[in-house]
Amino acid sequence: MAILYLYTTIISECYLTHRHDGISFVHEPGCYRFSLALDLADIFKPVLVDRLIFTDDYEESILL
């Protein structure tokens, strides 16, 4: 769930800044694939998503 929110946020920011989402540096560009979002998400994943997953608040919200 948290990773989807990260991807959605990055794709939204790419559209707002008029970046072409098919251009990427690490992931292979493909049709209907947001390669730039995947590249940018790899940078922020350890900081945001992993920290959220390993907190008690997130584990409690999954159980509810």
Protein backbone atom coordinates (compact mmCIF):
# COMPACT_ATOMS: atom_id res chain seq x y z
CA MET A 1 0.00 0.00 0.00
CA ALA A 2 2.75 2.43 0.89
CA ILE A 3 4.71 1.65 -2.27
CA LEU A 4 1.64 2.36 -4.41
CA TYR A 5 1.23 5.72 -2.71
CA LEU A 6 4.89 6.51 -3.44
CA TYR A 7 4.52 5.59 -7.13
CA THR A 8 1.32 7.59 -7.45
CA THR A 9 2.89 10.65 -5.87
CA ILE A 10 5.94 10.49 -8.12
CA ILE A 11 3.84 10.01 -11.27
CA SER A 12 1.70 13.01 -10.28
CA GLU A 13 4.78 15.15 -9.77
CA CYS A 14 6.17 14.05 -13.14
CA TYR A 15 2.98 15.23 -14.82
CA LEU A 16 3.00 18.53 -12.93
CA THR A 17 6.59 19.25 -13.98
CA HIS A 18 6.00 18.01 -17.57
CA ARG A 19 8.62 15.28 -17.36
CA HIS A 20 8.34 12.44 -19.85
CA ASP A 21 7.63 9.36 -17.77
CA GLY A 22 8.97 6.96 -20.39
CA ILE A 23 12.54 8.22 -20.06
CA SER A 24 14.55 6.36 -17.48
CA PHE A 25 18.13 5.64 -16.47
CA VAL A 26 17.97 2.34 -14.59
CA HIS A 27 14.74 0.61 -15.61
CA GLU A 28 14.10 -0.37 -19.21
CA PRO A 29 11.49 1.87 -20.80
CA GLY A 30 8.37 0.09 -21.94
CA CYS A 31 4.92 0.75 -23.27
CA TYR A 32 2.51 1.77 -20.49
CA ARG A 33 5.31 1.62 -17.95
CA PHE A 34 6.27 4.61 -15.84
CA SER A 35 10.01 3.99 -15.93
CA LEU A 36 11.00 7.41 -14.59
CA ALA A 37 8.71 6.92 -11.61
CA LEU A 38 10.33 3.55 -10.92
CA ASP A 39 13.80 5.14 -11.04
CA LEU A 40 12.82 7.94 -8.68
CA ALA A 41 10.95 5.61 -6.34
CA ASP A 42 14.09 3.49 -5.90
CA ILE A 43 15.76 6.52 -4.32
CA PHE A 44 12.99 7.22 -1.81
CA LYS A 45 11.87 3.65 -1.07
CA PRO A 46 14.36 2.91 1.73
CA VAL A 47 13.72 6.24 3.40
CA LEU A 48 9.94 6.39 3.24
CA VAL A 49 8.38 3.00 2.57
CA ASP A 50 10.69 0.72 4.52
CA ARG A 51 10.53 3.00 7.55
CA LEU A 52 6.74 2.97 7.38
CA ILE A 53 6.55 -0.79 7.05
CA PHE A 54 8.71 -1.42 10.09
CA THR A 55 6.83 0.90 12.42
CA ASP A 56 4.22 -0.41 14.83
CA ASP A 57 1.57 2.01 13.60
CA TYR A 58 1.58 0.51 10.13
CA GLU A 59 1.40 -3.04 11.44
CA GLU A 60 -1.59 -2.15 13.62
CA SER A 61 -3.39 -0.51 10.71
CA ILE A 62 -3.00 -3.67 8.62
CA LEU A 63 -4.55 -5.79 11.34
CA LEU A 64 -7.56 -3.51 11.62
